[in-house]
Amino acid sequence: MEKMKCPYCGVEFNLDEFPYGMEEGALYETACPECKKSFVYDVSIQYDYDCRKADCLNGAAHNWQPTATSPKCATKMQCSICGEERNPTEKEKKKYNIPSYKEYFDNLNKNK
């Protein structure tokens, strides 16, 4: 978090709490903890990018993992490298014990 600098006395400080839903171009009011004078500030939103290799997008194999989903019958397979999702294969359903929707609802009705 960037420090804020009081336009009156020059002291630098962090806001204890940023207002929810801050918008670029809107004015917000605060007071300096040192000189106690009120002033306004606006917000500038910046985007940072974290880039990493995704060899699976360039011909290498995806690293498919089951998503943590509830109910389990809604589980998808997601590549832990690129984030692509797909439905699980029958082999993956058996490996990760993923029931079909029918099996899931039949089991719910059985437990009533």
PDB file of N, CA and C in Angstrom:
ATOM      1  N   MET A   1       0.853  -1.174   0.000  1.00  0.00           N
ATOM      2  CA  MET A   1       0.000   0.000   0.000  1.00  0.00           C
ATOM      3  C   MET A   1       0.898   1.237   0.000  1.00  0.00           C
ATOM      4  N   GLU A   2       0.541   2.182  -0.803  1.00  0.00           N
ATOM      5  CA  GLU A   2       1.275   3.436  -0.858  1.00  0.00           C
ATOM      6  C   GLU A   2       0.927   4.302   0.340  1.00  0.00           C
ATOM      7  N   LYS A   3       1.893   5.058   0.771  1.00  0.00           N
ATOM      8  CA  LYS A   3       1.623   5.994   1.860  1.00  0.00           C
ATOM      9  C   LYS A   3       0.969   7.238   1.294  1.00  0.00           C
ATOM     10  N   MET A   4       0.138   7.838   2.095  1.00  0.00           N
ATOM     11  CA  MET A   4      -0.519   9.079   1.732  1.00  0.00           C
ATOM     12  C   MET A   4       0.266  10.220   2.389  1.00  0.00           C
ATOM     13  N   LYS A   5       0.384  11.339   1.702  1.00  0.00           N
ATOM     14  CA  LYS A   5       1.122  12.487   2.239  1.00  0.00           C
ATOM     15  C   LYS A   5       0.157  13.645   2.460  1.00  0.00           C
ATOM     16  N   CYS A   6       0.108  14.125   3.685  1.00  0.00           N
ATOM     17  CA  CYS A   6      -0.775  15.244   4.015  1.00  0.00           C
ATOM     18  C   CYS A   6      -0.351  16.476   3.222  1.00  0.00           C
ATOM     19  N   PRO A   7      -1.294  17.119   2.497  1.00  0.00           N
ATOM     20  CA  PRO A   7      -0.948  18.314   1.725  1.00  0.00           C
ATOM     21  C   PRO A   7      -0.696  19.548   2.606  1.00  0.00           C
ATOM     22  N   TYR A   8      -1.010  19.463   3.901  1.00  0.00           N
ATOM     23  CA  TYR A   8      -0.799  20.592   4.805  1.00  0.00           C
ATOM     24  C   TYR A   8       0.545  20.502   5.529  1.00  0.00           C
ATOM     25  N   CYS A   9       0.795  19.397   6.204  1.00  0.00           N
ATOM     26  CA  CYS A   9       2.016  19.317   7.020  1.00  0.00           C
ATOM     27  C   CYS A   9       3.068  18.383   6.441  1.00  0.00           C
ATOM     28  N   GLY A  10       2.713  17.600   5.416  1.00  0.00           N
ATOM     29  CA  GLY A  10       3.675  16.740   4.747  1.00  0.00           C
ATOM     30  C   GLY A  10       3.923  15.384   5.394  1.00  0.00           C
ATOM     31  N   VAL A  11       3.254  15.086   6.518  1.00  0.00           N
ATOM     32  CA  VAL A  11       3.463  13.791   7.158  1.00  0.00           C
ATOM     33  C   VAL A  11       2.932  12.676   6.256  1.00  0.00           C
ATOM     34  N   GLU A  12       3.663  11.563   6.200  1.00  0.00           N
ATOM     35  CA  GLU A  12       3.223  10.410   5.422  1.00  0.00           C
ATOM     36  C   GLU A  12       2.550   9.405   6.342  1.00  0.00           C
ATOM     37  N   PHE A  13       1.449   8.832   5.876  1.00  0.00           N
ATOM     38  CA  PHE A  13       0.720   7.861   6.684  1.00  0.00           C
ATOM     39  C   PHE A  13      -0.094   6.946   5.793  1.00  0.00           C
ATOM     40  N   ASN A  14      -0.463   5.786   6.320  1.00  0.00           N
ATOM     41  CA  ASN A  14      -1.370   4.866   5.639  1.00  0.00           C
ATOM     42  C   ASN A  14      -2.770   5.104   6.162  1.00  0.00           C
ATOM     43  N   LEU A  15      -3.740   5.019   5.293  1.00  0.00           N
ATOM     44  CA  LEU A  15      -5.123   5.077   5.747  1.00  0.00           C
ATOM     45  C   LEU A  15      -5.420   3.815   6.538  1.00  0.00           C
ATOM     46  N   ASP A  16      -6.124   3.939   7.652  1.00  0.00           N
ATOM     47  CA  ASP A  16      -6.502   2.772   8.431  1.00  0.00           C
ATOM     48  C   ASP A  16      -7.450   1.880   7.649  1.00  0.00           C
ATOM     49  N   GLU A  17      -8.310   2.490   6.854  1.00  0.00           N
ATOM     50  CA  GLU A  17      -9.328   1.744   6.144  1.00  0.00           C
ATOM     51  C   GLU A  17      -9.663   2.457   4.850  1.00  0.00           C
ATOM     52  N   PHE A  18      -9.624   1.753   3.744  1.00  0.00           N
ATOM     53  CA  PHE A  18     -10.058   2.349   2.486  1.00  0.00           C
ATOM     54  C   PHE A  18     -11.556   2.135   2.353  1.00  0.00           C
ATOM     55  N   PRO A  19     -12.285   3.114   1.879  1.00  0.00           N
ATOM     56  CA  PRO A  19     -13.732   2.949   1.691  1.00  0.00           C
ATOM     57  C   PRO A  19     -14.016   1.827   0.696  1.00  0.00           C
ATOM     58  N   TYR A  20     -15.084   1.096   0.926  1.00  0.00           N
ATOM     59  CA  TYR A  20     -15.491   0.026   0.025  1.00  0.00           C
ATOM     60  C   TYR A  20     -15.954   0.620  -1.297  1.00  0.00           C
ATOM     61  N   GLY A  21     -15.575  -0.020  -2.400  1.00  0.00           N
ATOM     62  CA  GLY A  21     -16.053   0.394  -3.713  1.00  0.00           C
ATOM     63  C   GLY A  21     -15.458   1.695  -4.207  1.00  0.00           C
ATOM     64  N   MET A  22     -14.197   1.919  -3.924  1.00  0.00           N
ATOM     65  CA  MET A  22     -13.554   3.159  -4.377  1.00  0.00           C
ATOM     66  C   MET A  22     -13.556   3.215  -5.903  1.00  0.00           C
ATOM     67  N   GLU A  23     -13.735   4.415  -6.438  1.00  0.00           N
ATOM     68  CA  GLU A  23     -13.780   4.602  -7.878  1.00  0.00           C
ATOM     69  C   GLU A  23     -12.733   5.615  -8.302  1.00  0.00           C
ATOM     70  N   GLU A  24     -12.179   5.387  -9.482  1.00  0.00           N
ATOM     71  CA  GLU A  24     -11.260   6.374 -10.043  1.00  0.00           C
ATOM     72  C   GLU A  24     -12.049   7.639 -10.357  1.00  0.00           C
ATOM     73  N   GLY A  25     -11.459   8.771 -10.101  1.00  0.00           N
ATOM     74  CA  GLY A  25     -12.093  10.052 -10.404  1.00  0.00           C
ATOM     75  C   GLY A  25     -12.996  10.588  -9.320  1.00  0.00           C
ATOM     76  N   ALA A  26     -13.368   9.772  -8.345  1.00  0.00           N
ATOM     77  CA  ALA A  26     -14.215  10.243  -7.239  1.00  0.00           C
ATOM     78  C   ALA A  26     -13.315  10.846  -6.158  1.00  0.00           C
ATOM     79  N   LEU A  27     -13.864  11.801  -5.412  1.00  0.00           N
ATOM     80  CA  LEU A  27     -13.108  12.402  -4.313  1.00  0.00           C
ATOM     81  C   LEU A  27     -13.516  11.781  -2.986  1.00  0.00           C
ATOM     82  N   TYR A  28     -12.518  11.523  -2.153  1.00  0.00           N
ATOM     83  CA  TYR A  28     -12.732  10.959  -0.826  1.00  0.00           C
ATOM     84  C   TYR A  28     -12.102  11.886   0.197  1.00  0.00           C
ATOM     85  N   GLU A  29     -12.652  11.892   1.382  1.00  0.00           N
ATOM     86  CA  GLU A  29     -12.198  12.798   2.431  1.00  0.00           C
ATOM     87  C   GLU A  29     -11.544  12.005   3.561  1.00  0.00           C
ATOM     88  N   THR A  30     -10.477  12.588   4.113  1.00  0.00           N
ATOM     89  CA  THR A  30      -9.831  12.021   5.294  1.00  0.00           C
ATOM     90  C   THR A  30      -9.198  13.162   6.078  1.00  0.00           C
ATOM     91  N   ALA A  31      -8.642  12.835   7.225  1.00  0.00           N
ATOM     92  CA  ALA A  31      -7.968  13.837   8.050  1.00  0.00           C
ATOM     93  C   ALA A  31      -6.567  13.336   8.371  1.00  0.00           C
ATOM     94  N   CYS A  32      -5.653  14.242   8.482  1.00  0.00           N
ATOM     95  CA  CYS A  32      -4.266  13.923   8.809  1.00  0.00           C
ATOM     96  C   CYS A  32      -4.179  13.523  10.285  1.00  0.00           C
ATOM     97  N   PRO A  33      -3.514  12.418  10.598  1.00  0.00           N
ATOM     98  CA  PRO A  33      -3.384  12.011  12.000  1.00  0.00           C
ATOM     99  C   PRO A  33      -2.452  12.926  12.791  1.00  0.00           C
ATOM    100  N   GLU A  34      -1.632  13.708  12.092  1.00  0.00           N
ATOM    101  CA  GLU A  34      -0.675  14.590  12.767  1.00  0.00           C
ATOM    102  C   GLU A  34      -1.264  15.983  13.012  1.00  0.00           C
ATOM    103  N   CYS A  35      -1.638  16.705  11.940  1.00  0.00           N
ATOM    104  CA  CYS A  35      -2.119  18.087  12.090  1.00  0.00           C
ATOM    105  C   CYS A  35      -3.640  18.173  12.224  1.00  0.00           C
ATOM    106  N   LYS A  36      -4.328  17.059  11.996  1.00  0.00           N
ATOM    107  CA  LYS A  36      -5.786  16.941  12.158  1.00  0.00           C
ATOM    108  C   LYS A  36      -6.592  17.706  11.104  1.00  0.00           C
ATOM    109  N   LYS A  37      -5.934  18.265  10.087  1.00  0.00           N
ATOM    110  CA  LYS A  37      -6.671  18.977   9.040  1.00  0.00           C
ATOM    111  C   LYS A  37      -7.271  17.974   8.058  1.00  0.00           C
ATOM    112  N   SER A  38      -8.481  18.290   7.610  1.00  0.00           N
ATOM    113  CA  SER A  38      -9.157  17.449   6.628  1.00  0.00           C
ATOM    114  C   SER A  38      -8.714  17.819   5.232  1.00  0.00           C
ATOM    115  N   PHE A  39      -8.690  16.826   4.356  1.00  0.00           N
ATOM    116  CA  PHE A  39      -8.375  17.064   2.951  1.00  0.00           C
ATOM    117  C   PHE A  39      -9.024  15.964   2.112  1.00  0.00           C
ATOM    118  N   VAL A  40      -9.013  16.160   0.812  1.00  0.00           N
ATOM    119  CA  VAL A  40      -9.595  15.182  -0.096  1.00  0.00           C
ATOM    120  C   VAL A  40      -8.492  14.513  -0.902  1.00  0.00           C
ATOM    121  N   TYR A  41      -8.809  13.324  -1.402  1.00  0.00           N
ATOM    122  CA  TYR A  41      -7.886  12.599  -2.274  1.00  0.00           C
ATOM    123  C   TYR A  41      -8.709  11.836  -3.295  1.00  0.00           C
ATOM    124  N   ASP A  42      -8.083  11.520  -4.408  1.00  0.00           N
ATOM    125  CA  ASP A  42      -8.721  10.640  -5.381  1.00  0.00           C
ATOM    126  C   ASP A  42      -7.850   9.395  -5.529  1.00  0.00           C
ATOM    127  N   VAL A  43      -8.368   8.431  -6.260  1.00  0.00           N
ATOM    128  CA  VAL A  43      -7.716   7.138  -6.372  1.00  0.00           C
ATOM    129  C   VAL A  43      -7.349   6.883  -7.828  1.00  0.00           C
ATOM    130  N   SER A  44      -6.171   6.335  -8.022  1.00  0.00           N
ATOM    131  CA  SER A  44      -5.737   5.894  -9.336  1.00  0.00           C
ATOM    132  C   SER A  44      -5.513   4.398  -9.256  1.00  0.00           C
ATOM    133  N   ILE A  45      -6.227   3.645 -10.072  1.00  0.00           N
ATOM    134  CA  ILE A  45      -6.129   2.187 -10.047  1.00  0.00           C
ATOM    135  C   ILE A  45      -5.057   1.750 -11.035  1.00  0.00           C
ATOM    136  N   GLN A  46      -4.169   0.869 -10.572  1.00  0.00           N
ATOM    137  CA  GLN A  46      -3.105   0.342 -11.421  1.00  0.00           C
ATOM    138  C   GLN A  46      -3.248  -1.163 -11.511  1.00  0.00           C
ATOM    139  N   TYR A  47      -2.833  -1.722 -12.627  1.00  0.00           N
ATOM    140  CA  TYR A  47      -2.858  -3.169 -12.815  1.00  0.00           C
ATOM    141  C   TYR A  47      -1.435  -3.681 -12.879  1.00  0.00           C
ATOM    142  N   ASP A  48      -1.178  -4.749 -12.150  1.00  0.00           N
ATOM    143  CA  ASP A  48       0.104  -5.425 -12.194  1.00  0.00           C
ATOM    144  C   ASP A  48      -0.119  -6.794 -12.820  1.00  0.00           C
ATOM    145  N   TYR A  49       0.829  -7.240 -13.596  1.00  0.00           N
ATOM    146  CA  TYR A  49       0.719  -8.526 -14.267  1.00  0.00           C
ATOM    147  C   TYR A  49       1.810  -9.459 -13.775  1.00  0.00           C
ATOM    148  N   ASP A  50       1.424 -10.689 -13.483  1.00  0.00           N
ATOM    149  CA  ASP A  50       2.355 -11.728 -13.068  1.00  0.00           C
ATOM    150  C   ASP A  50       2.371 -12.764 -14.182  1.00  0.00           C
ATOM    151  N   CYS A  51       3.408 -12.753 -14.990  1.00  0.00           N
ATOM    152  CA  CYS A  51       3.483 -13.639 -16.145  1.00  0.00           C
ATOM    153  C   CYS A  51       4.289 -14.892 -15.805  1.00  0.00           C
ATOM    154  N   ARG A  52       3.842 -16.022 -16.343  1.00  0.00           N
ATOM    155  CA  ARG A  52       4.585 -17.266 -16.170  1.00  0.00           C
ATOM    156  C   ARG A  52       4.382 -18.130 -17.417  1.00  0.00           C
ATOM    157  N   LYS A  53       5.299 -19.051 -17.604  1.00  0.00           N
ATOM    158  CA  LYS A  53       5.229 -19.934 -18.763  1.00  0.00           C
ATOM    159  C   LYS A  53       3.986 -20.811 -18.686  1.00  0.00           C
ATOM    160  N   ALA A  54       3.415 -21.104 -19.844  1.00  0.00           N
ATOM    161  CA  ALA A  54       2.292 -22.039 -19.958  1.00  0.00           C
ATOM    162  C   ALA A  54       2.600 -22.947 -21.140  1.00  0.00           C
ATOM    163  N   ASP A  55       3.524 -23.876 -20.908  1.00  0.00           N
ATOM    164  CA  ASP A  55       3.964 -24.757 -21.986  1.00  0.00           C
ATOM    165  C   ASP A  55       2.815 -25.549 -22.602  1.00  0.00           C
ATOM    166  N   CYS A  56       1.753 -25.806 -21.807  1.00  0.00           N
ATOM    167  CA  CYS A  56       0.610 -26.554 -22.337  1.00  0.00           C
ATOM    168  C   CYS A  56      -0.111 -25.787 -23.439  1.00  0.00           C
ATOM    169  N   LEU A  57       0.066 -24.484 -23.516  1.00  0.00           N
ATOM    170  CA  LEU A  57      -0.525 -23.697 -24.604  1.00  0.00           C
ATOM    171  C   LEU A  57       0.352 -23.730 -25.852  1.00  0.00           C
ATOM    172  N   ASN A  58       1.519 -24.370 -25.708  1.00  0.00           N
ATOM    173  CA  ASN A  58       2.481 -24.451 -26.811  1.00  0.00           C
ATOM    174  C   ASN A  58       2.839 -25.892 -27.137  1.00  0.00           C
ATOM    175  N   GLY A  59       1.889 -26.802 -26.947  1.00  0.00           N
ATOM    176  CA  GLY A  59       2.082 -28.181 -27.360  1.00  0.00           C
ATOM    177  C   GLY A  59       2.392 -29.174 -26.261  1.00  0.00           C
ATOM    178  N   ALA A  60       2.793 -28.733 -25.075  1.00  0.00           N
ATOM    179  CA  ALA A  60       3.062 -29.666 -23.975  1.00  0.00           C
ATOM    180  C   ALA A  60       1.736 -30.116 -23.357  1.00  0.00           C
ATOM    181  N   ALA A  61       1.814 -31.125 -22.501  1.00  0.00           N
ATOM    182  CA  ALA A  61       0.607 -31.677 -21.879  1.00  0.00           C
ATOM    183  C   ALA A  61       0.058 -30.739 -20.799  1.00  0.00           C
ATOM    184  N   HIS A  62      -1.255 -30.710 -20.658  1.00  0.00           N
ATOM    185  CA  HIS A  62      -1.902 -29.996 -19.566  1.00  0.00           C
ATOM    186  C   HIS A  62      -1.697 -30.789 -18.277  1.00  0.00           C
ATOM    187  N   ASN A  63      -1.780 -30.130 -17.149  1.00  0.00           N
ATOM    188  CA  ASN A  63      -1.714 -30.797 -15.843  1.00  0.00           C
ATOM    189  C   ASN A  63      -3.120 -30.756 -15.249  1.00  0.00           C
ATOM    190  N   TRP A  64      -3.947 -31.742 -15.609  1.00  0.00           N
ATOM    191  CA  TRP A  64      -5.348 -31.755 -15.210  1.00  0.00           C
ATOM    192  C   TRP A  64      -5.513 -32.169 -13.757  1.00  0.00           C
ATOM    193  N   GLN A  65      -6.266 -31.377 -13.008  1.00  0.00           N
ATOM    194  CA  GLN A  65      -6.580 -31.644 -11.610  1.00  0.00           C
ATOM    195  C   GLN A  65      -8.078 -31.425 -11.403  1.00  0.00           C
ATOM    196  N   PRO A  66      -8.716 -32.208 -10.525  1.00  0.00           N
ATOM    197  CA  PRO A  66     -10.148 -31.981 -10.276  1.00  0.00           C
ATOM    198  C   PRO A  66     -10.356 -30.698  -9.470  1.00  0.00           C
ATOM    199  N   THR A  67     -11.420 -29.982  -9.806  1.00  0.00           N
ATOM    200  CA  THR A  67     -11.756 -28.779  -9.044  1.00  0.00           C
ATOM    201  C   THR A  67     -12.409 -29.182  -7.723  1.00  0.00           C
ATOM    202  N   ALA A  68     -12.295 -28.339  -6.734  1.00  0.00           N
ATOM    203  CA  ALA A  68     -12.965 -28.563  -5.443  1.00  0.00           C
ATOM    204  C   ALA A  68     -14.361 -27.972  -5.574  1.00  0.00           C
ATOM    205  N   THR A  69     -15.317 -28.818  -5.877  1.00  0.00           N
ATOM    206  CA  THR A  69     -16.663 -28.365  -6.223  1.00  0.00           C
ATOM    207  C   THR A  69     -17.700 -29.095  -5.381  1.00  0.00           C
ATOM    208  N   SER A  70     -18.770 -28.393  -5.059  1.00  0.00           N
ATOM    209  CA  SER A  70     -19.871 -29.020  -4.359  1.00  0.00           C
ATOM    210  C   SER A  70     -21.156 -28.709  -5.125  1.00  0.00           C
ATOM    211  N   PRO A  71     -21.937 -29.714  -5.465  1.00  0.00           N
ATOM    212  CA  PRO A  71     -21.749 -31.129  -5.189  1.00  0.00           C
ATOM    213  C   PRO A  71     -20.640 -31.701  -6.069  1.00  0.00           C
ATOM    214  N   LYS A  72     -20.089 -32.813  -5.624  1.00  0.00           N
ATOM    215  CA  LYS A  72     -18.939 -33.406  -6.290  1.00  0.00           C
ATOM    216  C   LYS A  72     -19.243 -33.794  -7.736  1.00  0.00           C
ATOM    217  N   CYS A  73     -20.513 -34.076  -8.050  1.00  0.00           N
ATOM    218  CA  CYS A  73     -20.873 -34.443  -9.419  1.00  0.00           C
ATOM    219  C   CYS A  73     -20.657 -33.289 -10.405  1.00  0.00           C
ATOM    220  N   ALA A  74     -20.489 -32.061  -9.902  1.00  0.00           N
ATOM    221  CA  ALA A  74     -20.249 -30.894 -10.756  1.00  0.00           C
ATOM    222  C   ALA A  74     -18.759 -30.633 -10.975  1.00  0.00           C
ATOM    223  N   THR A  75     -17.916 -31.543 -10.500  1.00  0.00           N
ATOM    224  CA  THR A  75     -16.467 -31.389 -10.625  1.00  0.00           C
ATOM    225  C   THR A  75     -16.046 -31.278 -12.082  1.00  0.00           C
ATOM    226  N   LYS A  76     -15.154 -30.362 -12.343  1.00  0.00           N
ATOM    227  CA  LYS A  76     -14.521 -30.204 -13.652  1.00  0.00           C
ATOM    228  C   LYS A  76     -13.048 -30.544 -13.490  1.00  0.00           C
ATOM    229  N   MET A  77     -12.383 -30.766 -14.586  1.00  0.00           N
ATOM    230  CA  MET A  77     -10.940 -30.926 -14.586  1.00  0.00           C
ATOM    231  C   MET A  77     -10.360 -29.594 -15.035  1.00  0.00           C
ATOM    232  N   GLN A  78      -9.385 -29.102 -14.270  1.00  0.00           N
ATOM    233  CA  GLN A  78      -8.790 -27.798 -14.565  1.00  0.00           C
ATOM    234  C   GLN A  78      -7.282 -27.959 -14.667  1.00  0.00           C
ATOM    235  N   CYS A  79      -6.708 -27.338 -15.672  1.00  0.00           N
ATOM    236  CA  CYS A  79      -5.252 -27.364 -15.833  1.00  0.00           C
ATOM    237  C   CYS A  79      -4.647 -26.410 -14.809  1.00  0.00           C
ATOM    238  N   SER A  80      -3.736 -26.939 -13.984  1.00  0.00           N
ATOM    239  CA  SER A  80      -3.121 -26.102 -12.945  1.00  0.00           C
ATOM    240  C   SER A  80      -2.123 -25.106 -13.533  1.00  0.00           C
ATOM    241  N   ILE A  81      -1.819 -25.232 -14.819  1.00  0.00           N
ATOM    242  CA  ILE A  81      -0.860 -24.329 -15.457  1.00  0.00           C
ATOM    243  C   ILE A  81      -1.562 -23.157 -16.129  1.00  0.00           C
ATOM    244  N   CYS A  82      -2.593 -23.455 -16.965  1.00  0.00           N
ATOM    245  CA  CYS A  82      -3.229 -22.393 -17.757  1.00  0.00           C
ATOM    246  C   CYS A  82      -4.650 -22.064 -17.329  1.00  0.00           C
ATOM    247  N   GLY A  83      -5.264 -22.904 -16.473  1.00  0.00           N
ATOM    248  CA  GLY A  83      -6.614 -22.631 -15.995  1.00  0.00           C
ATOM    249  C   GLY A  83      -7.730 -23.144 -16.880  1.00  0.00           C
ATOM    250  N   GLU A  84      -7.409 -23.744 -18.024  1.00  0.00           N
ATOM    251  CA  GLU A  84      -8.449 -24.292 -18.906  1.00  0.00           C
ATOM    252  C   GLU A  84      -9.247 -25.357 -18.153  1.00  0.00           C
ATOM    253  N   GLU A  85     -10.544 -25.433 -18.425  1.00  0.00           N
ATOM    254  CA  GLU A  85     -11.404 -26.425 -17.782  1.00  0.00           C
ATOM    255  C   GLU A  85     -12.092 -27.294 -18.821  1.00  0.00           C
ATOM    256  N   ARG A  86     -12.368 -28.531 -18.395  1.00  0.00           N
ATOM    257  CA  ARG A  86     -13.119 -29.460 -19.240  1.00  0.00           C
ATOM    258  C   ARG A  86     -13.837 -30.458 -18.337  1.00  0.00           C
ATOM    259  N   ASN A  87     -14.773 -31.217 -18.916  1.00  0.00           N
ATOM    260  CA  ASN A  87     -15.453 -32.265 -18.173  1.00  0.00           C
ATOM    261  C   ASN A  87     -14.495 -33.433 -17.952  1.00  0.00           C
ATOM    262  N   PRO A  88     -14.619 -34.127 -16.828  1.00  0.00           N
ATOM    263  CA  PRO A  88     -13.745 -35.276 -16.585  1.00  0.00           C
ATOM    264  C   PRO A  88     -14.095 -36.449 -17.499  1.00  0.00           C
ATOM    265  N   THR A  89     -13.080 -37.231 -17.830  1.00  0.00           N
ATOM    266  CA  THR A  89     -13.299 -38.451 -18.607  1.00  0.00           C
ATOM    267  C   THR A  89     -13.864 -39.520 -17.670  1.00  0.00           C
ATOM    268  N   GLU A  90     -14.345 -40.609 -18.234  1.00  0.00           N
ATOM    269  CA  GLU A  90     -14.852 -41.705 -17.406  1.00  0.00           C
ATOM    270  C   GLU A  90     -13.749 -42.253 -16.506  1.00  0.00           C
ATOM    271  N   LYS A  91     -12.533 -42.335 -17.035  1.00  0.00           N
ATOM    272  CA  LYS A  91     -11.394 -42.819 -16.251  1.00  0.00           C
ATOM    273  C   LYS A  91     -11.120 -41.880 -15.062  1.00  0.00           C
ATOM    274  N   GLU A  92     -11.192 -40.572 -15.298  1.00  0.00           N
ATOM    275  CA  GLU A  92     -10.972 -39.591 -14.221  1.00  0.00           C
ATOM    276  C   GLU A  92     -12.097 -39.627 -13.194  1.00  0.00           C
ATOM    277  N   LYS A  93     -13.334 -39.862 -13.665  1.00  0.00           N
ATOM    278  CA  LYS A  93     -14.468 -39.970 -12.736  1.00  0.00           C
ATOM    279  C   LYS A  93     -14.245 -41.122 -11.763  1.00  0.00           C
ATOM    280  N   LYS A  94     -13.748 -42.233 -12.276  1.00  0.00           N
ATOM    281  CA  LYS A  94     -13.462 -43.393 -11.409  1.00  0.00           C
ATOM    282  C   LYS A  94     -12.287 -43.083 -10.480  1.00  0.00           C
ATOM    283  N   LYS A  95     -11.221 -42.522 -11.027  1.00  0.00           N
ATOM    284  CA  LYS A  95     -10.013 -42.238 -10.246  1.00  0.00           C
ATOM    285  C   LYS A  95     -10.307 -41.308  -9.079  1.00  0.00           C
ATOM    286  N   TYR A  96     -11.100 -40.271  -9.320  1.00  0.00           N
ATOM    287  CA  TYR A  96     -11.376 -39.255  -8.285  1.00  0.00           C
ATOM    288  C   TYR A  96     -12.730 -39.446  -7.614  1.00  0.00           C
ATOM    289  N   ASN A  97     -13.397 -40.584  -7.901  1.00  0.00           N
ATOM    290  CA  ASN A  97     -14.685 -40.897  -7.285  1.00  0.00           C
ATOM    291  C   ASN A  97     -15.706 -39.774  -7.491  1.00  0.00           C
ATOM    292  N   ILE A  98     -15.866 -39.377  -8.753  1.00  0.00           N
ATOM    293  CA  ILE A  98     -16.813 -38.320  -9.116  1.00  0.00           C
ATOM    294  C   ILE A  98     -18.094 -38.980  -9.612  1.00  0.00           C
ATOM    295  N   PRO A  99     -19.195 -38.844  -8.878  1.00  0.00           N
ATOM    296  CA  PRO A  99     -20.438 -39.478  -9.325  1.00  0.00           C
ATOM    297  C   PRO A  99     -21.075 -38.710 -10.483  1.00  0.00           C
ATOM    298  N   SER A 100     -21.926 -39.391 -11.214  1.00  0.00           N
ATOM    299  CA  SER A 100     -22.711 -38.703 -12.242  1.00  0.00           C
ATOM    300  C   SER A 100     -23.815 -37.916 -11.528  1.00  0.00           C
ATOM    301  N   TYR A 101     -24.463 -37.010 -12.255  1.00  0.00           N
ATOM    302  CA  TYR A 101     -25.582 -36.262 -11.656  1.00  0.00           C
ATOM    303  C   TYR A 101     -26.684 -37.231 -11.220  1.00  0.00           C
ATOM    304  N   LYS A 102     -26.940 -38.234 -12.056  1.00  0.00           N
ATOM    305  CA  LYS A 102     -27.982 -39.213 -11.728  1.00  0.00           C
ATOM    306  C   LYS A 102     -27.625 -39.958 -10.441  1.00  0.00           C
ATOM    307  N   GLU A 103     -26.389 -40.427 -10.322  1.00  0.00           N
ATOM    308  CA  GLU A 103     -25.962 -41.130  -9.111  1.00  0.00           C
ATOM    309  C   GLU A 103     -26.081 -40.229  -7.887  1.00  0.00           C
ATOM    310  N   TYR A 104     -25.702 -38.969  -8.056  1.00  0.00           N
ATOM    311  CA  TYR A 104     -25.769 -38.015  -6.950  1.00  0.00           C
ATOM    312  C   TYR A 104     -27.215 -37.835  -6.473  1.00  0.00           C
ATOM    313  N   PHE A 105     -28.130 -37.582  -7.416  1.00  0.00           N
ATOM    314  CA  PHE A 105     -29.531 -37.345  -7.024  1.00  0.00           C
ATOM    315  C   PHE A 105     -30.217 -38.610  -6.550  1.00  0.00           C
ATOM    316  N   ASP A 106     -29.852 -39.761  -7.120  1.00  0.00           N
ATOM    317  CA  ASP A 106     -30.399 -41.035  -6.622  1.00  0.00           C
ATOM    318  C   ASP A 106     -29.975 -41.254  -5.185  1.00  0.00           C
ATOM    319  N   ASN A 107     -28.735 -40.941  -4.876  1.00  0.00           N
ATOM    320  CA  ASN A 107     -28.223 -41.092  -3.502  1.00  0.00           C
ATOM    321  C   ASN A 107     -28.918 -40.123  -2.555  1.00  0.00           C
ATOM    322  N   LEU A 108     -29.210 -38.906  -3.007  1.00  0.00           N
ATOM    323  CA  LEU A 108     -29.938 -37.932  -2.165  1.00  0.00           C
ATOM    324  C   LEU A 108     -31.323 -38.467  -1.850  1.00  0.00           C
ATOM    325  N   ASN A 109     -32.006 -38.973  -2.859  1.00  0.00           N
ATOM    326  CA  ASN A 109     -33.361 -39.492  -2.665  1.00  0.00           C
ATOM    327  C   ASN A 109     -33.373 -40.725  -1.763  1.00  0.00           C
ATOM    328  N   LYS A 110     -32.315 -41.522  -1.829  1.00  0.00           N
ATOM    329  CA  LYS A 110     -32.186 -42.724  -1.009  1.00  0.00           C
ATOM    330  C   LYS A 110     -32.070 -42.360   0.480  1.00  0.00           C
ATOM    331  N   ASN A 111     -31.422 -41.222   0.757  1.00  0.00           N
ATOM    332  CA  ASN A 111     -31.166 -40.814   2.139  1.00  0.00           C
ATOM    333  C   ASN A 111     -32.305 -39.990   2.750  1.00  0.00           C
ATOM    334  N   LYS A 112     -33.413 -39.843   2.049  1.00  0.00           N
ATOM    335  CA  LYS A 112     -34.535 -39.060   2.589  1.00  0.00           C
ATOM    336  C   LYS A 112     -35.349 -39.864   3.549  1.00  0.00           C
TER     337      LYS A 112
END
